[in-house]
C-alpha atoms as a PDB file:
ATOM      1  CA  UNK A   1      -7.269 -11.352 -15.766  1.00  0.00           C
ATOM      2  CA  UNK A   2      -5.236 -13.348 -18.253  1.00  0.00           C
ATOM      3  CA  UNK A   3      -2.518 -11.462 -20.081  1.00  0.00           C
ATOM      4  CA  UNK A   4      -0.042 -12.820 -22.585  1.00  0.00           C
ATOM      5  CA  UNK A   5       3.486 -12.747 -21.158  1.00  0.00           C
ATOM      6  CA  UNK A   6       5.144 -14.652 -23.978  1.00  0.00           C
ATOM      7  CA  UNK A   7       4.375 -15.921 -27.441  1.00  0.00           C
ATOM      8  CA  UNK A   8       6.049 -18.925 -29.073  1.00  0.00           C
ATOM      9  CA  UNK A   9       5.876 -19.198 -32.840  1.00  0.00           C
ATOM     10  CA  UNK A  10       6.035 -22.349 -34.985  1.00  0.00           C
ATOM     11  CA  UNK A  11       9.835 -22.222 -35.049  1.00  0.00           C
ATOM     12  CA  UNK A  12       9.874 -22.003 -31.214  1.00  0.00           C
ATOM     13  CA  UNK A  13      11.063 -18.378 -31.193  1.00  0.00           C
ATOM     14  CA  UNK A  14       9.890 -16.605 -28.042  1.00  0.00           C
ATOM     15  CA  UNK A  15       8.604 -13.025 -27.832  1.00  0.00           C
ATOM     16  CA  UNK A  16       8.205 -11.697 -24.269  1.00  0.00           C
ATOM     17  CA  UNK A  17       5.730  -9.055 -23.087  1.00  0.00           C
ATOM     18  CA  UNK A  18       5.984  -6.978 -19.898  1.00  0.00           C
ATOM     19  CA  UNK A  19       3.107  -4.896 -18.505  1.00  0.00           C
ATOM     20  CA  UNK A  20       2.668  -2.029 -16.076  1.00  0.00           C
ATOM     21  CA  UNK A  21       0.210  -2.138 -13.160  1.00  0.00           C
ATOM     22  CA  UNK A  22      -2.577  -0.828 -15.446  1.00  0.00           C
ATOM     23  CA  UNK A  23      -1.975  -3.753 -17.866  1.00  0.00           C
ATOM     24  CA  UNK A  24      -0.521  -1.545 -20.599  1.00  0.00           C
ATOM     25  CA  UNK A  25       2.323  -3.133 -22.537  1.00  0.00           C
ATOM     26  CA  UNK A  26       5.517  -1.734 -21.020  1.00  0.00           C
ATOM     27  CA  UNK A  27       8.114  -3.675 -23.033  1.00  0.00           C
ATOM     28  CA  UNK A  28       8.206  -6.138 -25.940  1.00  0.00           C
ATOM     29  CA  UNK A  29      11.331  -8.276 -26.293  1.00  0.00           C
ATOM     30  CA  UNK A  30      11.749  -9.946 -29.676  1.00  0.00           C
ATOM     31  CA  UNK A  31      13.296 -13.416 -30.086  1.00  0.00           C
ATOM     32  CA  UNK A  32      16.726 -12.187 -31.195  1.00  0.00           C
ATOM     33  CA  UNK A  33      17.064 -10.082 -28.000  1.00  0.00           C
ATOM     34  CA  UNK A  34      15.711 -12.452 -25.316  1.00  0.00           C
ATOM     35  CA  UNK A  35      19.090 -13.169 -23.701  1.00  0.00           C
ATOM     36  CA  UNK A  36      19.995  -9.458 -23.526  1.00  0.00           C
ATOM     37  CA  UNK A  37      16.462  -8.438 -22.379  1.00  0.00           C
ATOM     38  CA  UNK A  38      16.537  -5.613 -24.961  1.00  0.00           C
ATOM     39  CA  UNK A  39      13.228  -4.546 -26.462  1.00  0.00           C
ATOM     40  CA  UNK A  40      10.815  -1.816 -27.453  1.00  0.00           C
ATOM     41  CA  UNK A  41       9.682   0.293 -24.494  1.00  0.00           C
ATOM     42  CA  UNK A  42       6.264   1.973 -24.336  1.00  0.00           C
ATOM     43  CA  UNK A  43       5.229   5.003 -22.274  1.00  0.00           C
ATOM     44  CA  UNK A  44       1.636   6.157 -21.833  1.00  0.00           C
ATOM     45  CA  UNK A  45      -0.411   9.265 -21.137  1.00  0.00           C
ATOM     46  CA  UNK A  46      -3.085   8.842 -18.493  1.00  0.00           C
ATOM     47  CA  UNK A  47      -6.028   6.810 -19.780  1.00  0.00           C
ATOM     48  CA  UNK A  48      -3.819   4.404 -21.768  1.00  0.00           C
ATOM     49  CA  UNK A  49      -2.924   6.514 -24.811  1.00  0.00           C
ATOM     50  CA  UNK A  50       0.604   5.841 -26.098  1.00  0.00           C
ATOM     51  CA  UNK A  51       2.925   8.760 -25.366  1.00  0.00           C
ATOM     52  CA  UNK A  52       6.051   7.335 -27.002  1.00  0.00           C
ATOM     53  CA  UNK A  53       7.824   4.169 -28.005  1.00  0.00           C
ATOM     54  CA  UNK A  54      11.557   3.650 -27.882  1.00  0.00           C
ATOM     55  CA  UNK A  55      13.850   0.860 -29.037  1.00  0.00           C
ATOM     56  CA  UNK A  56      16.189   0.076 -26.142  1.00  0.00           C
ATOM     57  CA  UNK A  57      19.756  -0.887 -26.887  1.00  0.00           C
END
């Protein structure tokens, strides 16, 4: 299965994506936080429904 682990825009800014073992997005790190590895964290109910999202600092 191919999953997107990073996205590079036209200005060469990188957005990183991390996944859990069920291929749900676990964390999204925006370009301005790449070096610090800070991003939005996702938690899920069983069967892939989003339980909560949290901006990590």
